Structures are given as C-alpha cells and as structure tokens.
Protein backbone atom coordinates (compact mmCIF):
# COMPACT_ATOMS: atom_id res chain seq x y z
CA MET A 1 141.43 118.11 -9.31
CA ASN A 2 141.58 117.18 -12.97
CA GLU A 3 138.19 118.28 -14.33
CA TRP A 4 138.79 116.41 -17.60
CA ASN A 5 138.07 112.77 -17.26
CA ILE A 6 136.62 109.71 -18.97
CA GLN A 7 135.42 106.79 -16.89
CA SER A 8 134.40 103.69 -18.80
CA ARG A 9 131.38 101.61 -17.90
CA ALA A 10 132.25 98.55 -15.81
CA HIS A 11 131.75 95.07 -17.25
CA ALA A 12 130.74 93.64 -13.88
CA CYS A 13 128.82 94.74 -10.80
CA GLU A 14 131.09 96.56 -8.36
CA ALA A 15 129.18 95.08 -5.39
CA CYS A 16 128.86 91.38 -6.25
CA GLY A 17 131.37 91.00 -9.09
CA GLN A 18 128.83 89.35 -11.41
CA LEU A 19 129.45 90.09 -15.09
CA PHE A 20 126.74 92.15 -16.73
CA ALA A 21 124.72 90.33 -19.39
CA ASP A 22 123.80 91.93 -22.70
CA ARG A 23 120.77 94.25 -22.32
CA GLN A 24 120.89 93.93 -18.52
CA ASN A 25 119.73 96.90 -16.45
CA TYR A 26 122.31 98.41 -14.14
CA ARG A 27 122.62 101.49 -11.95
CA THR A 28 125.38 104.10 -12.15
CA ILE A 29 126.09 106.09 -9.00
CA LEU A 30 128.32 109.17 -9.21
CA LEU A 31 130.27 109.81 -6.02
CA GLU A 32 132.71 112.40 -4.76
CA ASP A 33 135.77 110.46 -3.62
CA GLY A 34 138.22 112.89 -2.07
CA LYS A 35 139.13 115.36 -4.82
CA GLU A 36 137.92 113.10 -7.62
CA LEU A 37 134.57 112.06 -9.06
CA ARG A 38 134.08 108.29 -9.17
CA ARG A 39 131.44 106.18 -10.85
CA SER A 40 130.08 102.98 -9.37
CA ASP A 41 128.18 100.55 -11.62
CA ILE A 42 126.03 97.97 -9.83
CA CYS A 43 123.36 95.48 -10.87
CA GLU A 44 119.73 96.07 -9.99
CA PRO A 45 119.58 93.38 -7.25
CA CYS A 46 122.59 94.95 -5.50
CA ALA A 47 121.10 98.42 -5.97
CA THR A 48 117.90 97.24 -4.30
CA LYS A 49 119.84 95.73 -1.39
CA ALA A 50 121.91 98.90 -0.97
CA GLY A 51 118.77 101.02 -0.58
CA ASP A 52 118.54 104.75 -1.23
CA PRO A 53 121.79 105.85 -2.96
CA HIS A 54 121.32 109.35 -1.53
CA ASN A 55 122.51 107.92 1.79
CA GLN A 56 125.91 106.93 0.39
CA ALA A 57 128.88 109.04 1.43
CA GLY A 58 129.83 111.51 -1.29
CA PHE A 59 126.64 110.93 -3.32
CA ILE A 60 126.21 113.32 -6.26
CA SER A 61 123.86 111.66 -8.73
CA HIS A 62 122.59 108.33 -10.06
CA TRP A 63 120.83 106.97 -13.14
CA GLN A 64 119.84 103.69 -14.76
CA GLY A 65 121.46 102.25 -17.85
CA ILE A 66 121.25 99.19 -20.08
CA PHE A 67 124.47 97.25 -20.56
CA GLU A 68 125.42 96.47 -24.14
CA VAL A 69 128.15 93.99 -24.97
CA PRO A 70 130.86 95.95 -26.82
CA PRO A 71 131.17 95.10 -30.52
CA PRO A 72 134.37 93.38 -31.68
CA VAL A 73 137.26 95.75 -32.26
CA VAL A 74 137.88 96.30 -35.97
CA ASP A 75 141.21 97.80 -36.97
CA VAL A 76 140.23 100.33 -39.62
CA ILE A 77 141.59 103.67 -40.69
CA GLN A 78 138.89 106.27 -40.25
CA LYS A 79 138.58 110.02 -40.39
CA GLU A 80 138.70 111.84 -37.08
CA THR A 81 135.28 112.46 -35.58
CA ALA A 82 134.34 114.99 -32.92
CA GLU A 83 134.13 112.18 -30.36
CA THR A 84 137.52 110.63 -31.17
CA VAL A 85 139.14 114.07 -31.09
CA LEU A 86 137.51 114.83 -27.73
CA ARG A 87 138.80 111.55 -26.29
CA LYS A 88 142.33 112.32 -27.50
CA LEU A 89 142.23 115.83 -26.06
CA ILE A 90 141.23 114.46 -22.67
CA GLU A 91 144.04 111.89 -22.86
CA GLN A 92 146.51 114.71 -23.58
CA ASN A 93 145.34 116.49 -20.40
CA GLU A 94 146.77 119.84 -21.49
CA PRO A 95 145.03 123.02 -20.26
CA ARG A 96 145.47 124.68 -23.67
CA TYR A 97 142.96 122.20 -25.10
CA ALA A 98 140.28 122.96 -22.48
CA PRO A 99 138.27 125.43 -24.64
CA ALA A 100 138.31 123.11 -27.68
CA ALA A 101 137.28 120.12 -25.54
CA TYR A 102 134.37 122.09 -24.11
CA ILE A 103 133.15 123.15 -27.58
CA LEU A 104 133.44 119.59 -28.90
CA ALA A 105 131.43 118.29 -25.94
CA VAL A 106 128.71 120.88 -26.60
CA MET A 107 128.64 119.88 -30.28
CA LEU A 108 128.28 116.20 -29.37
CA GLU A 109 125.56 117.03 -26.85
CA ARG A 110 123.54 118.93 -29.42
CA LYS A 111 123.97 116.09 -31.90
CA ARG A 112 122.66 113.79 -29.12
CA ILE A 113 125.83 111.72 -29.10
CA LEU A 114 126.52 112.76 -25.52
CA LYS A 115 123.91 113.38 -22.84
CA VAL A 116 124.28 115.67 -19.85
CA LYS A 117 123.69 113.64 -16.71
CA GLU A 118 124.61 116.23 -14.11
CA GLN A 119 125.98 119.73 -13.63
CA ILE A 120 128.01 120.44 -10.53
CA VAL A 121 130.12 123.31 -9.23
CA ARG A 122 133.56 122.51 -7.84
CA ASP A 123 135.95 125.18 -6.60
CA GLY A 124 133.75 127.82 -8.21
CA GLN A 125 133.88 126.16 -11.66
CA ARG A 126 130.93 124.53 -13.39
CA VAL A 127 131.55 120.93 -14.44
CA PHE A 128 129.34 118.96 -16.83
CA VAL A 129 128.99 115.19 -16.46
CA TYR A 130 128.24 113.66 -19.87
CA GLU A 131 127.41 110.07 -20.76
CA GLN A 132 127.93 108.38 -24.10
CA PRO A 133 124.80 106.16 -24.13
CA LYS A 134 126.18 103.54 -26.53
CA THR A 135 129.37 102.85 -24.59
CA GLY A 136 128.25 104.02 -21.14
CA ASP A 137 131.44 106.09 -20.81
CA ILE A 138 131.24 109.16 -18.59
CA PHE A 139 133.00 112.38 -19.58
CA THR A 140 133.56 115.19 -17.08
CA ILE A 141 134.21 118.51 -18.81
CA ALA A 142 134.81 121.81 -17.03
CA ASP A 143 133.26 125.00 -18.39
CA PRO A 144 136.22 127.27 -19.38
CA ASN A 145 134.01 130.39 -19.21
CA LEU A 146 134.84 131.52 -22.72
CA HIS A 147 134.42 135.18 -23.60
CA LEU A 148 132.98 136.35 -26.92
CA ASP A 149 136.37 137.62 -28.08
CA GLN A 150 137.79 134.08 -27.65
CA LEU A 151 135.17 132.19 -29.64
CA GLU A 152 136.56 132.83 -33.13
CA GLN A 153 140.02 131.49 -32.23
CA VAL A 154 138.51 128.44 -30.50
CA GLN A 155 136.36 127.76 -33.58
CA HIS A 156 139.51 127.87 -35.72
CA ASP A 157 141.22 125.46 -33.33
CA VAL A 158 138.28 123.04 -33.36
CA ALA A 159 138.04 123.15 -37.17
CA ALA A 160 141.78 122.38 -37.45
CA LEU A 161 141.51 119.52 -34.94
CA LEU A 162 138.59 117.96 -36.81
CA GLU A 163 140.45 118.22 -40.11
CA HIS A 164 143.94 117.16 -39.02
CA GLY A 165 143.58 115.68 -35.52
CA LEU A 166 146.21 116.55 -32.93
CA THR A 167 149.01 116.16 -35.48
CA PRO A 168 149.15 119.09 -37.92
CA PRO A 169 149.89 118.21 -41.56
CA ALA A 170 153.57 118.12 -42.45
CA THR A 171 154.73 120.86 -44.78
CA THR A 172 157.05 119.98 -47.64
CA PRO A 173 159.62 122.66 -48.57
CA GLN A 174 159.17 123.74 -52.16
CA THR A 175 161.61 125.46 -54.52
CA PRO A 176 160.25 128.91 -55.42
CA ALA A 177 159.23 129.28 -59.02
CA PRO A 178 160.96 131.91 -61.19
CA ALA A 179 159.55 135.39 -60.72
CA SER A 180 158.11 135.30 -64.24
CA GLU A 181 156.05 132.21 -63.35
CA GLN A 182 154.85 133.32 -59.92
CA ASN A 183 151.16 134.03 -59.57
CA PRO A 184 150.53 136.78 -57.00
CA ALA A 185 147.02 135.45 -56.39
CA ALA A 186 148.42 132.08 -55.35
CA GLU A 187 150.38 133.69 -52.52
CA THR A 188 147.23 134.34 -50.50
CA GLU A 189 146.80 131.50 -48.04
CA THR A 190 143.28 130.63 -47.01
CA ALA A 191 142.82 130.16 -43.28
CA PRO A 192 140.78 127.19 -42.03
CA ARG A 193 137.09 128.01 -42.19
CA PRO A 194 135.80 128.71 -38.69
CA LEU A 195 132.92 126.63 -37.43
CA GLU A 196 129.55 128.18 -38.00
CA PRO A 197 127.61 128.87 -34.80
CA ALA A 198 125.04 126.30 -35.92
CA ALA A 199 127.75 123.64 -35.99
CA ALA A 200 127.61 123.54 -32.22
CA ASN A 201 124.01 122.28 -32.43
C-alpha cells in the first residue's frame, strides 16, 4: 500500500450525486477498501438515510465538514510554502522523501494548517490521517520512525526544500580569481541552516 496519499474533497454527494452548496454540511467517511484507504463524502440527508456509519464494511472513521466553494484559480508566482512542498513530495511518491514529508506534516499540524483526524496502524506502521480544513483534502502520512541521529539531516533536507523546492538552484561555473585576489575566508561555504526544533510547532 502507498501510505502517502492526498484525496480531495468531493464536489457532490457520492450517494445521490447532488452538488454541494456553499457552506453546506456534509459527512466524510473513511473506509478501508482492499489495500487502500478511501474517503466517501455524502450530504447530511443521505448520511441520515444510511444510518450508523460504523456498520459500513471497512469503516475506519467519520467526521462532519462544511463545504466551501473553491476560490477562483489565480495564476501567480509564489514562494514555496510547507504545504505546497508537502503536496509535491507526495506527488513524487519517492521513499527518500518520506522523512521530510512527515516533518512537514507535523509542522503544518502544529501551525494548525492540518488537523489530525485519525491515527491507524497498518502492517505494523503508524499512519496519520490529516485534513486541510479549508480545502477538505485528506493527507495520509506514514510515520517513518525517525531516530535521533537522523533528525539533523532531515532538518537540513526540509530547510533546503522550503528554500529551493524540489529543484535545487543551478550553479554557474565561475573562473577562479588570481591567487593574489583570492580571499581564503570566502572559500568557506555555509551549509543551509537546520530547522530549529521549535519550527516543528
């Protein structure tokens, strides 16, 4: 199973097909569908007709939300944010990004941008189910069980991702200056500043 996942909020009730209106209450039900986790968004009338969601096959969790009509898409150039970087990492679906994705999710949780809706254990691994309240998107992020001796490197990776995104800055070859003009102090390259522990709040 791919424990990295984003599932967007539906624009219509899965049961009756009626489009959600702005500020309409709806119910999200999280189900285990084979080896995958699947969300089901239904309107309140259909939720009432369906009865207790605990009786549904594969039931894991459920919660109520308020549908918000998405704002118009504006094509702007903006600096990478923790959330946009997290979304891109999940799209890449590369195991090497798992620790960074987990740290970014924790940062966003502590900044109250993401909310933990459920914690489950699958195949011996803890998986967090996050929701982005404004968009209704659900993120599933597996806990990579980081050790203390791994944290510093992961903090470096996260800092670099937030500064440059997934594409590192291009380096331009430079002609070395004459020895008489070289400044020894300038040869010391400063590594990216690691994230402070408080930055994960």
